[in-house]
């Protein structure tokens, strides 16, 4: 037996609230799980700050041969 287009649309619309309830239930379960995981990882890592030392390059001390070696 074939259903009319109206009955098919009405049946689909009747199931939309049920699908929304199922999706919200699953979403709520995942939110509760992720809140527990995030609460455990709130500690900040211990990081040691190290200063970077910069060296000055003296241009006057370079020979032409040293410059050519670096360019190749």
N, C-alpha and C. Protein backbone atom coordinates (compact mmCIF):
# COMPACT_ATOMS: atom_id res chain seq x y z
N UNK A 1 0.83 -1.17 0.00
CA UNK A 1 0.00 0.00 0.00
C UNK A 1 0.89 1.25 0.00
N UNK A 2 0.58 2.20 -0.83
CA UNK A 2 1.34 3.43 -0.93
C UNK A 2 0.76 4.47 0.02
N UNK A 3 1.67 5.31 0.56
CA UNK A 3 1.22 6.40 1.43
C UNK A 3 1.20 7.69 0.61
N UNK A 4 0.27 8.54 0.93
CA UNK A 4 0.22 9.82 0.24
C UNK A 4 1.36 10.71 0.74
N UNK A 5 1.67 11.72 -0.03
CA UNK A 5 2.76 12.63 0.31
C UNK A 5 2.48 13.34 1.63
N UNK A 6 1.27 13.64 1.90
CA UNK A 6 0.89 14.32 3.14
C UNK A 6 1.16 13.45 4.36
N UNK A 7 0.82 12.16 4.26
CA UNK A 7 1.07 11.25 5.39
C UNK A 7 2.57 11.08 5.64
N UNK A 8 3.36 11.04 4.58
CA UNK A 8 4.81 10.89 4.74
C UNK A 8 5.40 12.11 5.43
N UNK A 9 4.97 13.30 5.01
CA UNK A 9 5.47 14.54 5.62
C UNK A 9 5.04 14.63 7.08
N UNK A 10 3.80 14.31 7.37
CA UNK A 10 3.32 14.35 8.75
C UNK A 10 4.07 13.35 9.63
N UNK A 11 4.36 12.18 9.11
CA UNK A 11 5.11 11.19 9.87
C UNK A 11 6.53 11.66 10.15
N UNK A 12 7.14 12.31 9.16
CA UNK A 12 8.49 12.85 9.37
C UNK A 12 8.50 13.95 10.40
N UNK A 13 7.51 14.83 10.33
CA UNK A 13 7.44 15.92 11.31
C UNK A 13 7.15 15.40 12.71
N UNK A 14 6.43 14.33 12.82
CA UNK A 14 6.12 13.76 14.13
C UNK A 14 7.37 13.16 14.78
N UNK A 15 8.33 12.71 13.99
CA UNK A 15 9.53 12.09 14.53
C UNK A 15 10.65 13.07 14.83
N UNK A 16 10.55 14.30 14.34
CA UNK A 16 11.60 15.29 14.57
C UNK A 16 11.82 15.56 16.07
N UNK A 17 10.79 15.79 16.88
CA UNK A 17 11.04 16.02 18.32
C UNK A 17 11.70 14.82 19.00
N UNK A 18 11.37 13.63 18.58
CA UNK A 18 12.00 12.44 19.16
C UNK A 18 13.48 12.42 18.83
N UNK A 19 13.82 12.74 17.58
CA UNK A 19 15.23 12.77 17.19
C UNK A 19 15.99 13.86 17.93
N UNK A 20 15.36 15.01 18.15
CA UNK A 20 16.00 16.10 18.89
C UNK A 20 16.28 15.67 20.33
N UNK A 21 15.35 14.99 20.96
CA UNK A 21 15.56 14.51 22.34
C UNK A 21 16.72 13.52 22.41
N UNK A 22 16.83 12.64 21.43
CA UNK A 22 17.92 11.65 21.41
C UNK A 22 19.26 12.36 21.24
N UNK A 23 19.32 13.33 20.32
CA UNK A 23 20.59 14.06 20.09
C UNK A 23 20.98 14.85 21.33
N UNK A 24 20.03 15.51 21.98
CA UNK A 24 20.34 16.28 23.19
C UNK A 24 20.80 15.36 24.33
N UNK A 25 20.23 14.17 24.43
CA UNK A 25 20.65 13.22 25.46
C UNK A 25 22.10 12.80 25.23
N UNK A 26 22.45 12.47 24.01
CA UNK A 26 23.83 12.08 23.68
C UNK A 26 24.78 13.24 23.91
N UNK A 27 24.39 14.44 23.51
CA UNK A 27 25.22 15.63 23.70
C UNK A 27 25.48 15.87 25.19
N UNK A 28 24.46 15.71 26.03
CA UNK A 28 24.62 15.89 27.47
C UNK A 28 25.58 14.88 28.07
N UNK A 29 25.55 13.64 27.58
CA UNK A 29 26.48 12.63 28.09
C UNK A 29 27.92 12.99 27.76
N UNK A 30 28.16 13.47 26.54
CA UNK A 30 29.53 13.84 26.15
C UNK A 30 30.01 15.07 26.89
N UNK A 31 29.12 16.02 27.17
CA UNK A 31 29.51 17.22 27.92
C UNK A 31 29.92 16.87 29.34
N UNK A 32 29.23 15.93 29.96
CA UNK A 32 29.59 15.54 31.32
C UNK A 32 30.93 14.81 31.34
N UNK A 33 31.20 14.02 30.32
CA UNK A 33 32.48 13.30 30.24
C UNK A 33 33.61 14.27 30.01
N UNK A 34 33.44 15.24 29.09
CA UNK A 34 34.51 16.18 28.78
C UNK A 34 34.77 17.13 29.94
N UNK A 35 33.76 17.47 30.72
CA UNK A 35 33.99 18.35 31.87
C UNK A 35 34.87 17.65 32.91
N UNK A 36 34.72 16.34 33.06
CA UNK A 36 35.57 15.60 33.99
C UNK A 36 37.00 15.55 33.49
N UNK A 37 37.19 15.37 32.20
CA UNK A 37 38.54 15.29 31.63
C UNK A 37 39.22 16.63 31.72
N UNK A 38 38.52 17.72 31.45
CA UNK A 38 39.10 19.05 31.50
C UNK A 38 39.45 19.42 32.93
N UNK A 39 38.66 19.01 33.90
CA UNK A 39 38.93 19.34 35.29
C UNK A 39 40.22 18.68 35.77
N UNK A 40 40.58 17.53 35.24
CA UNK A 40 41.80 16.85 35.65
C UNK A 40 43.02 17.54 35.07
N UNK A 41 42.91 18.11 33.88
CA UNK A 41 44.06 18.67 33.19
C UNK A 41 44.17 20.18 33.36
N UNK A 42 43.75 20.73 34.49
CA UNK A 42 43.83 22.17 34.69
C UNK A 42 45.17 22.62 35.24
N UNK A 43 46.05 21.70 35.63
CA UNK A 43 47.36 22.05 36.15
C UNK A 43 48.23 22.63 35.04
N UNK A 44 48.99 23.69 35.37
CA UNK A 44 49.87 24.27 34.38
C UNK A 44 51.22 23.56 34.45
N UNK A 45 51.83 23.29 33.30
CA UNK A 45 53.12 22.60 33.30
C UNK A 45 54.22 23.51 33.85
N UNK A 46 55.18 22.89 34.48
CA UNK A 46 56.32 23.64 35.02
C UNK A 46 57.34 23.82 33.90
N UNK A 47 57.59 25.07 33.55
CA UNK A 47 58.50 25.38 32.45
C UNK A 47 59.60 26.28 32.98
N UNK A 48 60.82 25.95 32.66
CA UNK A 48 61.96 26.76 33.06
C UNK A 48 62.25 27.76 31.95
N UNK A 49 62.29 29.04 32.30
CA UNK A 49 62.54 30.09 31.31
C UNK A 49 64.03 30.26 31.19
N UNK A 50 64.51 30.17 29.96
CA UNK A 50 65.94 30.29 29.70
C UNK A 50 66.17 31.50 28.80
N UNK A 51 67.17 32.31 29.13
CA UNK A 51 67.47 33.48 28.31
C UNK A 51 68.28 33.06 27.09
N UNK A 52 68.03 33.74 25.99
CA UNK A 52 68.73 33.46 24.74
C UNK A 52 69.87 34.45 24.62
N UNK A 53 71.07 33.94 24.41
CA UNK A 53 72.23 34.80 24.26
C UNK A 53 72.47 35.06 22.78
N UNK A 54 72.66 36.33 22.44
CA UNK A 54 72.92 36.69 21.06
C UNK A 54 74.40 37.05 20.90
N UNK A 55 74.98 36.60 19.83
CA UNK A 55 76.38 36.91 19.54
C UNK A 55 76.44 37.95 18.43
N UNK A 56 77.33 38.88 18.59
CA UNK A 56 77.49 39.90 17.56
C UNK A 56 78.46 39.39 16.50
N UNK A 57 78.13 39.65 15.26
CA UNK A 57 79.00 39.25 14.16
C UNK A 57 79.79 40.47 13.73
N UNK A 58 81.10 40.31 13.71
CA UNK A 58 81.96 41.41 13.31
C UNK A 58 82.26 41.28 11.82
N UNK A 59 81.77 42.24 11.07
CA UNK A 59 81.90 42.19 9.61
C UNK A 59 83.33 42.49 9.19
N UNK A 60 84.06 43.30 9.90
CA UNK A 60 85.41 43.70 9.51
C UNK A 60 86.41 42.56 9.54
N UNK A 61 86.18 41.50 10.30
CA UNK A 61 87.14 40.41 10.45
C UNK A 61 87.00 39.33 9.38
N UNK A 62 86.03 39.41 8.53
CA UNK A 62 85.81 38.38 7.52
C UNK A 62 86.70 38.62 6.30
N UNK A 63 87.24 37.54 5.76
CA UNK A 63 88.03 37.62 4.53
C UNK A 63 87.11 37.35 3.35
N UNK A 64 87.57 37.67 2.18
CA UNK A 64 86.79 37.43 0.97
C UNK A 64 86.62 35.93 0.74
N UNK A 65 87.61 35.12 1.11
CA UNK A 65 87.50 33.68 0.91
C UNK A 65 86.44 33.07 1.83
N UNK A 66 86.32 33.57 3.06
CA UNK A 66 85.32 33.07 3.98
C UNK A 66 83.91 33.40 3.49
N UNK A 67 83.75 34.57 2.91
CA UNK A 67 82.46 34.97 2.38
C UNK A 67 82.07 34.09 1.21
N UNK A 68 83.03 33.75 0.34
CA UNK A 68 82.75 32.91 -0.81
C UNK A 68 82.37 31.49 -0.36
N UNK A 69 83.03 30.98 0.68
CA UNK A 69 82.72 29.65 1.17
C UNK A 69 81.29 29.57 1.71
N UNK A 70 80.85 30.61 2.40
CA UNK A 70 79.50 30.63 2.94
C UNK A 70 78.45 30.78 1.86
N UNK A 71 78.79 31.48 0.78
CA UNK A 71 77.82 31.72 -0.29
C UNK A 71 77.56 30.44 -1.08
N UNK A 72 78.49 29.55 -1.17
CA UNK A 72 78.32 28.34 -1.96
C UNK A 72 77.49 27.31 -1.33
